C-alpha atoms as a PDB file:
ATOM      1  CA  UNK A   1     -95.908-199.871  69.995  1.00  0.00           C
ATOM      2  CA  UNK A   2     -92.802-197.960  69.036  1.00  0.00           C
ATOM      3  CA  UNK A   3     -90.530-201.009  68.949  1.00  0.00           C
ATOM      4  CA  UNK A   4     -89.582-203.101  65.933  1.00  0.00           C
ATOM      5  CA  UNK A   5     -91.388-206.436  65.634  1.00  0.00           C
ATOM      6  CA  UNK A   6     -90.362-209.783  64.214  1.00  0.00           C
ATOM      7  CA  UNK A   7     -92.735-212.742  64.110  1.00  0.00           C
ATOM      8  CA  UNK A   8     -91.601-215.424  66.596  1.00  0.00           C
ATOM      9  CA  UNK A   9     -93.016-218.201  64.395  1.00  0.00           C
ATOM     10  CA  UNK A  10     -92.227-217.434  60.745  1.00  0.00           C
ATOM     11  CA  UNK A  11     -89.161-215.369  61.779  1.00  0.00           C
ATOM     12  CA  UNK A  12     -89.138-213.348  58.544  1.00  0.00           C
ATOM     13  CA  UNK A  13     -91.979-210.857  58.852  1.00  0.00           C
ATOM     14  CA  UNK A  14     -90.885-207.463  60.167  1.00  0.00           C
ATOM     15  CA  UNK A  15     -93.476-205.260  58.436  1.00  0.00           C
ATOM     16  CA  UNK A  16     -97.018-206.670  58.248  1.00  0.00           C
ATOM     17  CA  UNK A  17     -98.927-206.928  61.511  1.00  0.00           C
ATOM     18  CA  UNK A  18    -102.473-206.606  62.817  1.00  0.00           C
ATOM     19  CA  UNK A  19    -103.146-204.978  66.175  1.00  0.00           C
ATOM     20  CA  UNK A  20    -106.140-206.630  67.824  1.00  0.00           C
ATOM     21  CA  UNK A  21    -107.769-204.481  70.484  1.00  0.00           C
ATOM     22  CA  UNK A  22    -109.428-206.430  73.260  1.00  0.00           C
ATOM     23  CA  UNK A  23    -112.343-204.718  74.939  1.00  0.00           C
ATOM     24  CA  UNK A  24    -114.174-206.961  77.368  1.00  0.00           C
ATOM     25  CA  UNK A  25    -117.934-206.863  77.580  1.00  0.00           C
ATOM     26  CA  UNK A  26    -119.236-207.911  80.969  1.00  0.00           C
ATOM     27  CA  UNK A  27    -122.536-209.783  80.739  1.00  0.00           C
ATOM     28  CA  UNK A  28    -124.853-211.931  82.791  1.00  0.00           C
ATOM     29  CA  UNK A  29    -126.439-214.811  80.878  1.00  0.00           C
ATOM     30  CA  UNK A  30    -129.569-216.793  81.606  1.00  0.00           C
ATOM     31  CA  UNK A  31    -128.239-220.159  82.897  1.00  0.00           C
ATOM     32  CA  UNK A  32    -130.629-222.346  80.840  1.00  0.00           C
ATOM     33  CA  UNK A  33    -131.073-220.445  77.573  1.00  0.00           C
ATOM     34  CA  UNK A  34    -127.759-218.568  77.401  1.00  0.00           C
ATOM     35  CA  UNK A  35    -129.691-215.406  76.564  1.00  0.00           C
ATOM     36  CA  UNK A  36    -127.989-212.177  77.573  1.00  0.00           C
ATOM     37  CA  UNK A  37    -129.864-210.820  80.577  1.00  0.00           C
ATOM     38  CA  UNK A  38    -127.680-207.867  81.515  1.00  0.00           C
ATOM     39  CA  UNK A  39    -124.668-205.919  80.230  1.00  0.00           C
ATOM     40  CA  UNK A  40    -122.526-204.468  82.998  1.00  0.00           C
ATOM     41  CA  UNK A  41    -119.882-201.793  83.235  1.00  0.00           C
ATOM     42  CA  UNK A  42    -116.643-202.674  85.031  1.00  0.00           C
ATOM     43  CA  UNK A  43    -117.654-200.679  88.122  1.00  0.00           C
ATOM     44  CA  UNK A  44    -120.960-202.583  88.313  1.00  0.00           C
ATOM     45  CA  UNK A  45    -119.400-206.043  88.750  1.00  0.00           C
ATOM     46  CA  UNK A  46    -120.286-207.928  91.904  1.00  0.00           C
ATOM     47  CA  UNK A  47    -117.888-209.922  94.093  1.00  0.00           C
ATOM     48  CA  UNK A  48    -118.388-213.099  92.018  1.00  0.00           C
ATOM     49  CA  UNK A  49    -117.697-211.494  88.629  1.00  0.00           C
ATOM     50  CA  UNK A  50    -113.951-211.058  88.056  1.00  0.00           C
ATOM     51  CA  UNK A  51    -112.850-208.142  85.871  1.00  0.00           C
ATOM     52  CA  UNK A  52    -110.814-208.854  82.730  1.00  0.00           C
ATOM     53  CA  UNK A  53    -107.096-208.923  83.528  1.00  0.00           C
ATOM     54  CA  UNK A  54    -105.654-209.718  80.110  1.00  0.00           C
ATOM     55  CA  UNK A  55    -103.797-207.574  77.594  1.00  0.00           C
ATOM     56  CA  UNK A  56    -105.473-204.527  76.060  1.00  0.00           C
ATOM     57  CA  UNK A  57    -104.287-205.663  72.670  1.00  0.00           C
ATOM     58  CA  UNK A  58    -102.566-208.555  70.941  1.00  0.00           C
ATOM     59  CA  UNK A  59    -100.411-208.630  67.806  1.00  0.00           C
ATOM     60  CA  UNK A  60    -101.067-210.874  64.814  1.00  0.00           C
ATOM     61  CA  UNK A  61     -98.453-211.612  62.172  1.00  0.00           C
ATOM     62  CA  UNK A  62     -99.808-210.442  58.829  1.00  0.00           C
ATOM     63  CA  UNK A  63     -97.936-213.239  57.037  1.00  0.00           C
ATOM     64  CA  UNK A  64     -98.470-216.480  59.006  1.00  0.00           C
ATOM     65  CA  UNK A  65    -101.384-215.405  61.251  1.00  0.00           C
ATOM     66  CA  UNK A  66     -99.732-216.099  64.629  1.00  0.00           C
ATOM     67  CA  UNK A  67    -101.356-214.165  67.490  1.00  0.00           C
ATOM     68  CA  UNK A  68     -99.221-213.399  70.547  1.00  0.00           C
ATOM     69  CA  UNK A  69     -98.536-210.732  73.143  1.00  0.00           C
ATOM     70  CA  UNK A  70     -96.587-207.742  71.850  1.00  0.00           C
ATOM     71  CA  UNK A  71     -93.647-208.681  74.075  1.00  0.00           C
ATOM     72  CA  UNK A  72     -92.962-211.841  72.038  1.00  0.00           C
ATOM     73  CA  UNK A  73     -92.691-209.890  68.776  1.00  0.00           C
ATOM     74  CA  UNK A  74     -90.441-207.243  70.369  1.00  0.00           C
ATOM     75  CA  UNK A  75     -88.147-209.838  71.987  1.00  0.00           C
ATOM     76  CA  UNK A  76     -87.813-211.725  68.695  1.00  0.00           C
ATOM     77  CA  UNK A  77     -86.841-208.506  66.895  1.00  0.00           C
ATOM     78  CA  UNK A  78     -84.238-207.766  69.581  1.00  0.00           C
ATOM     79  CA  UNK A  79     -82.879-211.329  69.392  1.00  0.00           C
ATOM     80  CA  UNK A  80     -82.552-211.320  65.595  1.00  0.00           C
ATOM     81  CA  UNK A  81     -80.902-207.879  65.523  1.00  0.00           C
ATOM     82  CA  UNK A  82     -77.991-208.877  67.767  1.00  0.00           C
ATOM     83  CA  UNK A  83     -74.591-208.606  66.154  1.00  0.00           C
ATOM     84  CA  UNK A  84     -72.564-211.701  65.987  1.00  0.00           C
END
């Protein structure tokens, strides 16, 4: 997070952003009621329960509300800073 950002949608925001941390919670639900039966730690998952493989955090533009991977905001900042 030490790179400049620029929103890839509104293309003007370079200052106001929200960092959304994603922390998965592994659960087993009752199939009929949907009630939470068990909360698991990552090392307790069985062979049929895939661990979360997504990003640890996402970035949201504080102006237009777009939520994307950090890479998109960094690439847009690099693209708009090119001389020429």
